[in-house]
């Protein structure tokens, strides 16, 4: 599935990092923020901020899966199905 960025307003410009995040998620499917940080080699807060912007555009979705142990569930990001 290829994300068609042309459907967004002409004034909306995606950063190179946002485009790279979309490409990585297209190629690899759902990933955690830690996996994205390793793949894209950018600080985790920068990755998270850009993921939240893409989430606001409804390009990606955040979801969680429980782990087999105690503690917080793993949080994943994936492209929306649109």
Protein backbone atom coordinates (compact mmCIF):
# COMPACT_ATOMS: atom_id res chain seq x y z
CA UNK A 1 0.00 0.00 0.00
CA UNK A 2 1.40 3.37 -0.99
CA UNK A 3 0.34 6.47 0.90
CA UNK A 4 -0.82 9.16 -1.48
CA UNK A 5 0.44 12.42 0.00
CA UNK A 6 -0.99 14.39 -2.92
CA UNK A 7 -4.50 14.14 -1.46
CA UNK A 8 -3.51 16.64 1.21
CA UNK A 9 -3.79 20.40 0.84
CA UNK A 10 -1.17 22.05 -1.34
CA UNK A 11 0.03 24.15 1.60
CA UNK A 12 0.70 21.07 3.71
CA UNK A 13 4.34 20.15 3.46
CA UNK A 14 5.70 16.97 4.97
CA UNK A 15 9.21 17.05 6.36
CA UNK A 16 11.85 14.64 5.07
CA UNK A 17 11.65 12.82 8.41
CA UNK A 18 7.87 12.45 8.16
CA UNK A 19 8.20 11.07 4.63
CA UNK A 20 10.88 8.66 5.81
CA UNK A 21 8.68 7.47 8.70
CA UNK A 22 5.83 6.81 6.26
CA UNK A 23 8.17 4.88 3.93
CA UNK A 24 9.59 2.78 6.78
CA UNK A 25 6.10 1.91 8.06
CA UNK A 26 4.95 1.09 4.51
CA UNK A 27 7.86 -1.26 4.02
CA UNK A 28 7.97 -2.90 7.47
CA UNK A 29 4.45 -2.72 8.88
CA UNK A 30 3.69 -1.80 12.51
CA UNK A 31 6.73 -0.80 14.56
CA UNK A 32 7.47 0.50 18.04
CA UNK A 33 9.03 3.89 18.58
CA UNK A 34 12.29 2.20 19.66
CA UNK A 35 12.40 0.27 16.37
CA UNK A 36 11.76 3.47 14.42
CA UNK A 37 14.51 5.30 16.32
CA UNK A 38 17.01 2.58 15.36
CA UNK A 39 15.85 2.48 11.74
CA UNK A 40 15.68 6.25 11.12
CA UNK A 41 18.54 7.21 13.47
CA UNK A 42 16.88 10.24 14.95
CA UNK A 43 16.24 11.19 18.61
CA UNK A 44 13.23 9.45 20.15
CA UNK A 45 11.46 12.70 21.07
CA UNK A 46 11.84 13.97 17.50
CA UNK A 47 10.44 10.68 16.19
CA UNK A 48 7.52 10.85 18.62
CA UNK A 49 6.69 14.48 17.76
CA UNK A 50 6.62 13.65 14.07
CA UNK A 51 4.58 10.49 14.63
CA UNK A 52 2.00 12.56 16.52
CA UNK A 53 1.83 15.08 13.63
CA UNK A 54 1.24 12.21 11.19
CA UNK A 55 -1.35 10.83 13.60
CA UNK A 56 -3.13 14.21 13.57
CA UNK A 57 -3.26 13.98 9.76
CA UNK A 58 -4.78 10.48 10.15
CA UNK A 59 -1.88 8.93 8.23
CA UNK A 60 -0.80 6.67 11.06
CA UNK A 61 -2.46 5.05 14.03
CA UNK A 62 -1.09 4.34 17.49
CA UNK A 63 -2.10 1.08 19.22
CA UNK A 64 -0.82 -1.16 21.98
CA UNK A 65 -0.33 -4.86 22.55
CA UNK A 66 0.02 -6.46 25.96
CA UNK A 67 3.33 -8.10 26.77
CA UNK A 68 3.71 -11.54 28.30
CA UNK A 69 5.11 -9.97 31.43
CA UNK A 70 4.11 -7.26 33.82
CA UNK A 71 4.58 -3.65 32.96
CA UNK A 72 3.43 -1.35 30.24
CA UNK A 73 2.08 -2.75 27.00
CA UNK A 74 4.13 -2.25 23.85
CA UNK A 75 2.98 0.74 21.80
CA UNK A 76 3.08 0.37 18.01
CA UNK A 77 2.56 2.76 15.13
CA UNK A 78 1.12 1.71 11.77
CA UNK A 79 -0.23 3.33 8.64
CA UNK A 80 -3.97 3.86 8.53
CA UNK A 81 -6.01 1.74 6.17
CA UNK A 82 -7.32 4.69 4.13
